[in-house]
Amino acid sequence: MTNTKQTLMLVTIRLTSAKLNWANLKNKLDLLPS
C-alpha cells in the first residue's frame, strides 16, 4: 500500500503544475492579436 501522504503530495504538485500551465496558456492567448 502506498503512503497516503506521498500520494497527496504528488496530487497537489500535479494540480499546481496544471494550474500554472493553464495560467501560462491564458497569458499567451491574451498576448495574441485579436
N, C-alpha and C. Protein backbone atom coordinates (compact mmCIF):
# COMPACT_ATOMS: atom_id res chain seq x y z
N MET A 1 0.85 -1.20 0.00
CA MET A 1 0.00 0.00 0.00
C MET A 1 0.88 1.25 0.00
N THR A 2 0.53 2.20 -0.85
CA THR A 2 1.36 3.40 -0.96
C THR A 2 1.11 4.34 0.20
N ASN A 3 2.09 5.16 0.47
CA ASN A 3 1.99 6.13 1.55
C ASN A 3 0.99 7.21 1.17
N THR A 4 -0.01 7.42 2.03
CA THR A 4 -1.06 8.39 1.72
C THR A 4 -0.51 9.80 1.60
N LYS A 5 0.41 10.14 2.50
CA LYS A 5 0.99 11.50 2.46
C LYS A 5 1.73 11.72 1.16
N GLN A 6 2.48 10.71 0.72
CA GLN A 6 3.24 10.82 -0.53
C GLN A 6 2.28 11.01 -1.70
N THR A 7 1.19 10.26 -1.71
CA THR A 7 0.21 10.36 -2.79
C THR A 7 -0.41 11.74 -2.81
N LEU A 8 -0.77 12.27 -1.65
CA LEU A 8 -1.36 13.59 -1.57
C LEU A 8 -0.39 14.65 -2.09
N MET A 9 0.87 14.49 -1.74
CA MET A 9 1.89 15.45 -2.20
C MET A 9 1.96 15.43 -3.73
N LEU A 10 1.99 14.22 -4.31
CA LEU A 10 2.08 14.11 -5.77
C LEU A 10 0.87 14.73 -6.44
N VAL A 11 -0.32 14.47 -5.89
CA VAL A 11 -1.54 15.04 -6.46
C VAL A 11 -1.51 16.55 -6.39
N THR A 12 -1.07 17.08 -5.24
CA THR A 12 -1.00 18.53 -5.08
C THR A 12 -0.04 19.15 -6.08
N ILE A 13 1.12 18.50 -6.25
CA ILE A 13 2.12 19.01 -7.19
C ILE A 13 1.55 19.01 -8.61
N ARG A 14 0.85 17.94 -8.96
CA ARG A 14 0.29 17.86 -10.31
C ARG A 14 -0.78 18.92 -10.53
N LEU A 15 -1.62 19.14 -9.52
CA LEU A 15 -2.66 20.16 -9.65
C LEU A 15 -2.04 21.54 -9.77
N THR A 16 -0.99 21.77 -8.98
CA THR A 16 -0.33 23.08 -9.02
C THR A 16 0.30 23.32 -10.38
N SER A 17 0.99 22.32 -10.92
CA SER A 17 1.63 22.50 -12.22
C SER A 17 0.58 22.65 -13.31
N ALA A 18 -0.55 21.97 -13.17
CA ALA A 18 -1.63 22.12 -14.16
C ALA A 18 -2.17 23.54 -14.12
N LYS A 19 -2.33 24.09 -12.92
CA LYS A 19 -2.82 25.47 -12.79
C LYS A 19 -1.82 26.43 -13.42
N LEU A 20 -0.53 26.21 -13.18
CA LEU A 20 0.50 27.09 -13.75
C LEU A 20 0.49 26.99 -15.27
N ASN A 21 0.35 25.78 -15.80
CA ASN A 21 0.31 25.60 -17.25
C ASN A 21 -0.89 26.34 -17.84
N TRP A 22 -2.04 26.25 -17.16
CA TRP A 22 -3.25 26.91 -17.64
C TRP A 22 -3.05 28.43 -17.62
N ALA A 23 -2.42 28.95 -16.57
CA ALA A 23 -2.16 30.40 -16.48
C ALA A 23 -1.24 30.83 -17.61
N ASN A 24 -0.21 30.05 -17.89
CA ASN A 24 0.71 30.38 -18.99
C ASN A 24 -0.02 30.39 -20.32
N LEU A 25 -0.89 29.40 -20.51
CA LEU A 25 -1.64 29.30 -21.76
C LEU A 25 -2.55 30.51 -21.93
N LYS A 26 -3.24 30.89 -20.86
CA LYS A 26 -4.13 32.05 -20.93
C LYS A 26 -3.34 33.32 -21.23
N ASN A 27 -2.17 33.47 -20.62
CA ASN A 27 -1.34 34.64 -20.87
C ASN A 27 -0.93 34.70 -22.34
N LYS A 28 -0.56 33.55 -22.89
CA LYS A 28 -0.15 33.52 -24.30
C LYS A 28 -1.33 33.88 -25.20
N LEU A 29 -2.51 33.37 -24.88
CA LEU A 29 -3.68 33.68 -25.68
C LEU A 29 -4.01 35.16 -25.59
N ASP A 30 -3.85 35.75 -24.41
CA ASP A 30 -4.13 37.18 -24.24
C ASP A 30 -3.16 38.03 -25.03
N LEU A 31 -1.94 37.53 -25.23
CA LEU A 31 -0.94 38.30 -25.96
C LEU A 31 -1.19 38.28 -27.47
N LEU A 32 -1.94 37.28 -27.93
CA LEU A 32 -2.20 37.20 -29.36
C LEU A 32 -3.08 38.36 -29.81
N PRO A 33 -2.78 38.93 -30.98
CA PRO A 33 -3.65 39.99 -31.50
C PRO A 33 -5.02 39.42 -31.87
N SER A 34 -6.06 40.09 -31.47
CA SER A 34 -7.41 39.56 -31.72
C SER A 34 -7.94 40.01 -33.08
